[in-house]
PDB file of N, CA and C in Angstrom:
ATOM      1  N   MET A   1     130.095 125.154 158.495  1.00  0.00           N
ATOM      2  CA  MET A   1     129.969 123.897 159.627  1.00  0.00           C
ATOM      3  C   MET A   1     131.099 124.218 160.283  1.00  0.00           C
ATOM      4  N   THR A   2     131.753 124.197 161.533  1.00  0.00           N
ATOM      5  CA  THR A   2     132.812 124.328 162.178  1.00  0.00           C
ATOM      6  C   THR A   2     133.496 123.198 162.267  1.00  0.00           C
ATOM      7  N   LYS A   3     134.516 123.229 162.574  1.00  0.00           N
ATOM      8  CA  LYS A   3     135.117 121.577 162.668  1.00  0.00           C
ATOM      9  C   LYS A   3     134.652 120.853 163.950  1.00  0.00           C
ATOM     10  N   GLU A   4     134.398 121.613 164.873  1.00  0.00           N
ATOM     11  CA  GLU A   4     133.819 121.017 165.927  1.00  0.00           C
ATOM     12  C   GLU A   4     132.464 120.225 165.703  1.00  0.00           C
ATOM     13  N   ASN A   5     131.782 121.203 164.772  1.00  0.00           N
ATOM     14  CA  ASN A   5     130.217 120.642 164.304  1.00  0.00           C
ATOM     15  C   ASN A   5     130.338 119.285 163.502  1.00  0.00           C
ATOM     16  N   SER A   6     131.485 119.422 162.918  1.00  0.00           N
ATOM     17  CA  SER A   6     131.851 118.259 161.682  1.00  0.00           C
ATOM     18  C   SER A   6     131.977 117.222 162.646  1.00  0.00           C
ATOM     19  N   SER A   7     133.179 117.058 163.665  1.00  0.00           N
ATOM     20  CA  SER A   7     132.953 115.654 164.117  1.00  0.00           C
ATOM     21  C   SER A   7     132.237 115.180 165.306  1.00  0.00           C
ATOM     22  N   LEU A   8     131.125 116.525 165.750  1.00  0.00           N
ATOM     23  CA  LEU A   8     130.140 115.854 166.580  1.00  0.00           C
ATOM     24  C   LEU A   8     128.907 115.210 165.532  1.00  0.00           C
ATOM     25  N   LYS A   9     129.009 115.638 164.047  1.00  0.00           N
ATOM     26  CA  LYS A   9     128.145 114.963 163.268  1.00  0.00           C
ATOM     27  C   LYS A   9     128.634 113.639 163.108  1.00  0.00           C
ATOM     28  N   ASP A  10     129.898 113.940 162.631  1.00  0.00           N
ATOM     29  CA  ASP A  10     130.399 112.309 162.493  1.00  0.00           C
ATOM     30  C   ASP A  10     129.773 111.210 163.478  1.00  0.00           C
ATOM     31  N   LYS A  11     129.964 111.650 164.888  1.00  0.00           N
ATOM     32  CA  LYS A  11     129.763 110.833 166.291  1.00  0.00           C
ATOM     33  C   LYS A  11     128.329 110.482 166.277  1.00  0.00           C
ATOM     34  N   VAL A  12     127.834 111.455 165.918  1.00  0.00           N
ATOM     35  CA  VAL A  12     126.216 111.074 166.187  1.00  0.00           C
ATOM     36  C   VAL A  12     125.571 110.307 165.155  1.00  0.00           C
ATOM     37  N   ILE A  13     125.693 110.569 163.941  1.00  0.00           N
ATOM     38  CA  ILE A  13     125.887 109.669 162.689  1.00  0.00           C
ATOM     39  C   ILE A  13     126.001 108.373 162.792  1.00  0.00           C
ATOM     40  N   GLY A  14     127.513 108.525 163.308  1.00  0.00           N
ATOM     41  CA  GLY A  14     127.905 107.183 163.212  1.00  0.00           C
ATOM     42  C   GLY A  14     127.526 106.165 164.393  1.00  0.00           C
ATOM     43  N   LYS A  15     126.852 106.730 165.668  1.00  0.00           N
ATOM     44  CA  LYS A  15     125.813 105.906 166.672  1.00  0.00           C
ATOM     45  C   LYS A  15     124.658 105.590 166.176  1.00  0.00           C
ATOM     46  N   VAL A  16     124.068 106.378 165.382  1.00  0.00           N
ATOM     47  CA  VAL A  16     123.028 105.847 164.325  1.00  0.00           C
ATOM     48  C   VAL A  16     122.756 104.973 163.726  1.00  0.00           C
ATOM     49  N   LYS A  17     123.978 105.366 162.993  1.00  0.00           N
ATOM     50  CA  LYS A  17     123.922 103.492 162.065  1.00  0.00           C
ATOM     51  C   LYS A  17     124.578 102.627 162.575  1.00  0.00           C
ATOM     52  N   GLU A  18     125.367 102.852 163.634  1.00  0.00           N
ATOM     53  CA  GLU A  18     125.480 101.565 164.676  1.00  0.00           C
ATOM     54  C   GLU A  18     124.452 100.787 165.419  1.00  0.00           C
ATOM     55  N   VAL A  19     123.753 101.800 165.844  1.00  0.00           N
ATOM     56  CA  VAL A  19     122.499 101.448 166.491  1.00  0.00           C
ATOM     57  C   VAL A  19     121.521 100.312 165.176  1.00  0.00           C
ATOM     58  N   GLU A  20     121.277 101.008 164.377  1.00  0.00           N
ATOM     59  CA  GLU A  20     120.471 101.011 163.209  1.00  0.00           C
ATOM     60  C   GLU A  20     120.824  99.353 162.995  1.00  0.00           C
ATOM     61  N   GLY A  21     122.320  99.352 162.624  1.00  0.00           N
ATOM     62  CA  GLY A  21     122.880  97.977 162.085  1.00  0.00           C
ATOM     63  C   GLY A  21     122.737  96.963 163.404  1.00  0.00           C
ATOM     64  N   LYS A  22     122.738  97.266 164.313  1.00  0.00           N
ATOM     65  CA  LYS A  22     122.484  96.214 165.804  1.00  0.00           C
ATOM     66  C   LYS A  22     121.264  95.898 165.612  1.00  0.00           C
ATOM     67  N   LEU A  23     119.636  96.737 165.536  1.00  0.00           N
ATOM     68  CA  LEU A  23     118.721  96.579 165.325  1.00  0.00           C
ATOM     69  C   LEU A  23     117.963  95.573 164.130  1.00  0.00           C
ATOM     70  N   THR A  24     118.811  95.814 162.947  1.00  0.00           N
ATOM     71  CA  THR A  24     118.174  95.192 162.148  1.00  0.00           C
ATOM     72  C   THR A  24     119.455  93.790 161.531  1.00  0.00           C
ATOM     73  N   ASP A  25     120.464  93.406 162.529  1.00  0.00           N
ATOM     74  CA  ASP A  25     121.051  92.626 162.445  1.00  0.00           C
ATOM     75  C   ASP A  25     122.099  92.330 160.916  1.00  0.00           C
ATOM     76  N   ASP A  26     122.512  93.953 160.780  1.00  0.00           N
ATOM     77  CA  ASP A  26     123.240  94.419 159.714  1.00  0.00           C
ATOM     78  C   ASP A  26     124.498  94.866 160.351  1.00  0.00           C
ATOM     79  N   LYS A  27     125.393  93.697 159.947  1.00  0.00           N
ATOM     80  CA  LYS A  27     127.050  93.946 160.266  1.00  0.00           C
ATOM     81  C   LYS A  27     127.415  94.959 159.485  1.00  0.00           C
ATOM     82  N   LEU A  28     127.262  94.958 158.397  1.00  0.00           N
ATOM     83  CA  LEU A  28     127.946  96.313 157.639  1.00  0.00           C
ATOM     84  C   LEU A  28     127.482  97.500 158.268  1.00  0.00           C
ATOM     85  N   ARG A  29     126.163  97.535 158.523  1.00  0.00           N
ATOM     86  CA  ARG A  29     125.604  98.841 158.740  1.00  0.00           C
ATOM     87  C   ARG A  29     126.671  99.207 159.889  1.00  0.00           C
ATOM     88  N   GLU A  30     126.299  98.314 160.895  1.00  0.00           N
ATOM     89  CA  GLU A  30     127.082  98.665 162.084  1.00  0.00           C
ATOM     90  C   GLU A  30     128.281  98.918 162.062  1.00  0.00           C
ATOM     91  N   ALA A  31     129.179  98.064 161.032  1.00  0.00           N
ATOM     92  CA  ALA A  31     130.466  98.417 160.869  1.00  0.00           C
ATOM     93  C   ALA A  31     130.827  99.909 160.593  1.00  0.00           C
ATOM     94  N   GLU A  32     129.943 100.446 159.443  1.00  0.00           N
ATOM     95  CA  GLU A  32     130.048 101.648 159.180  1.00  0.00           C
ATOM     96  C   GLU A  32     129.614 102.813 160.309  1.00  0.00           C
ATOM     97  N   GLY A  33     128.978 102.459 161.165  1.00  0.00           N
ATOM     98  CA  GLY A  33     128.729 103.445 162.319  1.00  0.00           C
ATOM     99  C   GLY A  33     130.038 103.768 163.211  1.00  0.00           C
ATOM    100  N   LYS A  34     130.654 102.568 163.398  1.00  0.00           N
ATOM    101  CA  LYS A  34     131.523 102.535 164.396  1.00  0.00           C
ATOM    102  C   LYS A  34     132.998 103.425 163.620  1.00  0.00           C
ATOM    103  N   ALA A  35     132.870 102.903 162.359  1.00  0.00           N
ATOM    104  CA  ALA A  35     133.896 103.545 161.680  1.00  0.00           C
ATOM    105  C   ALA A  35     133.506 105.422 161.325  1.00  0.00           C
ATOM    106  N   GLN A  36     132.473 105.813 161.386  1.00  0.00           N
ATOM    107  CA  GLN A  36     132.171 106.983 161.416  1.00  0.00           C
ATOM    108  C   GLN A  36     132.254 107.583 162.465  1.00  0.00           C
ATOM    109  N   GLN A  37     131.895 107.095 163.603  1.00  0.00           N
ATOM    110  CA  GLN A  37     132.399 107.447 165.188  1.00  0.00           C
ATOM    111  C   GLN A  37     134.048 107.936 165.348  1.00  0.00           C
ATOM    112  N   ALA A  38     134.641 106.874 164.951  1.00  0.00           N
ATOM    113  CA  ALA A  38     136.158 107.052 164.856  1.00  0.00           C
ATOM    114  C   ALA A  38     136.790 108.190 164.077  1.00  0.00           C
ATOM    115  N   LYS A  39     135.946 108.274 162.887  1.00  0.00           N
ATOM    116  CA  LYS A  39     136.326 109.554 161.998  1.00  0.00           C
ATOM    117  C   LYS A  39     136.020 110.719 163.017  1.00  0.00           C
ATOM    118  N   GLY A  40     135.145 110.774 163.761  1.00  0.00           N
ATOM    119  CA  GLY A  40     134.571 112.024 164.422  1.00  0.00           C
ATOM    120  C   GLY A  40     135.566 112.245 165.701  1.00  0.00           C
ATOM    121  N   LYS A  41     136.016 110.979 166.254  1.00  0.00           N
ATOM    122  CA  LYS A  41     136.831 111.211 167.294  1.00  0.00           C
ATOM    123  C   LYS A  41     138.184 111.430 167.130  1.00  0.00           C
ATOM    124  N   LEU A  42     138.506 111.172 165.554  1.00  0.00           N
ATOM    125  CA  LEU A  42     139.999 111.326 165.048  1.00  0.00           C
ATOM    126  C   LEU A  42     140.276 112.599 164.757  1.00  0.00           C
ATOM    127  N   LYS A  43     138.975 113.417 164.297  1.00  0.00           N
ATOM    128  CA  LYS A  43     139.165 114.599 163.978  1.00  0.00           C
ATOM    129  C   LYS A  43     138.995 115.494 165.146  1.00  0.00           C
ATOM    130  N   ASP A  44     138.527 115.289 166.365  1.00  0.00           N
ATOM    131  CA  ASP A  44     138.546 115.806 167.442  1.00  0.00           C
ATOM    132  C   ASP A  44     139.842 115.816 168.026  1.00  0.00           C
ATOM    133  N   LYS A  45     140.598 114.544 167.986  1.00  0.00           N
ATOM    134  CA  LYS A  45     141.957 114.596 168.746  1.00  0.00           C
ATOM    135  C   LYS A  45     143.088 115.329 167.737  1.00  0.00           C
ATOM    136  N   ALA A  46     142.735 115.208 166.313  1.00  0.00           N
ATOM    137  CA  ALA A  46     143.596 116.029 165.446  1.00  0.00           C
ATOM    138  C   ALA A  46     143.327 117.682 165.436  1.00  0.00           C
ATOM    139  N   ASP A  47     142.276 118.129 165.845  1.00  0.00           N
ATOM    140  CA  ASP A  47     142.243 119.552 166.623  1.00  0.00           C
ATOM    141  C   ASP A  47     142.633 120.071 167.825  1.00  0.00           C
ATOM    142  N   LYS A  48     142.862 119.202 168.674  1.00  0.00           N
ATOM    143  CA  LYS A  48     143.156 119.125 169.890  1.00  0.00           C
ATOM    144  C   LYS A  48     145.030 119.302 169.645  1.00  0.00           C
ATOM    145  N   VAL A  49     145.572 118.487 168.935  1.00  0.00           N
ATOM    146  CA  VAL A  49     146.912 118.453 168.594  1.00  0.00           C
ATOM    147  C   VAL A  49     147.179 119.735 167.934  1.00  0.00           C
ATOM    148  N   LYS A  50     146.190 120.506 167.041  1.00  0.00           N
ATOM    149  CA  LYS A  50     146.793 121.322 166.340  1.00  0.00           C
ATOM    150  C   LYS A  50     146.568 122.741 167.205  1.00  0.00           C
ATOM    151  N   LYS A  51     145.456 122.562 168.014  1.00  0.00           N
ATOM    152  CA  LYS A  51     145.108 123.825 168.903  1.00  0.00           C
ATOM    153  C   LYS A  51     146.737 123.720 169.934  1.00  0.00           C
ATOM    154  N   ASP A  52     147.094 122.542 170.394  1.00  0.00           N
ATOM    155  CA  ASP A  52     148.381 122.437 171.473  1.00  0.00           C
ATOM    156  C   ASP A  52     149.307 123.352 170.589  1.00  0.00           C
ATOM    157  N   LEU A  53     149.828 122.885 169.452  1.00  0.00           N
ATOM    158  CA  LEU A  53     150.745 123.222 168.621  1.00  0.00           C
ATOM    159  C   LEU A  53     150.637 124.773 168.424  1.00  0.00           C
ATOM    160  N   GLN A  54     149.911 125.219 168.357  1.00  0.00           N
ATOM    161  CA  GLN A  54     149.660 126.613 168.064  1.00  0.00           C
ATOM    162  C   GLN A  54     149.574 127.131 169.476  1.00  0.00           C
ATOM    163  N   ASP A  55     149.271 126.728 170.633  1.00  0.00           N
ATOM    164  CA  ASP A  55     149.499 127.533 171.947  1.00  0.00           C
ATOM    165  C   ASP A  55     150.836 127.402 172.341  1.00  0.00           C
ATOM    166  N   LYS A  56     151.867 126.627 171.844  1.00  0.00           N
ATOM    167  CA  LYS A  56     153.224 126.578 171.909  1.00  0.00           C
ATOM    168  C   LYS A  56     153.763 127.592 171.227  1.00  0.00           C
ATOM    169  N   ASP A  57     153.342 128.162 170.394  1.00  0.00           N
ATOM    170  CA  ASP A  57     153.945 129.447 169.541  1.00  0.00           C
ATOM    171  C   ASP A  57     153.909 130.588 170.095  1.00  0.00           C
TER     172      ASP A  57
END
């Protein structure tokens, strides 16, 4: 799995968990989903920074 797919997977699964938590009124599940989405976004930003640094070389 590529890094891009990994971050997308985290964002999608996180969104599913968040919605599931909202529908079942499970605050912990909702928070887990939000955290997993944030993890995916962070991976995207880290990859962008790495790419930008490599482009400068």
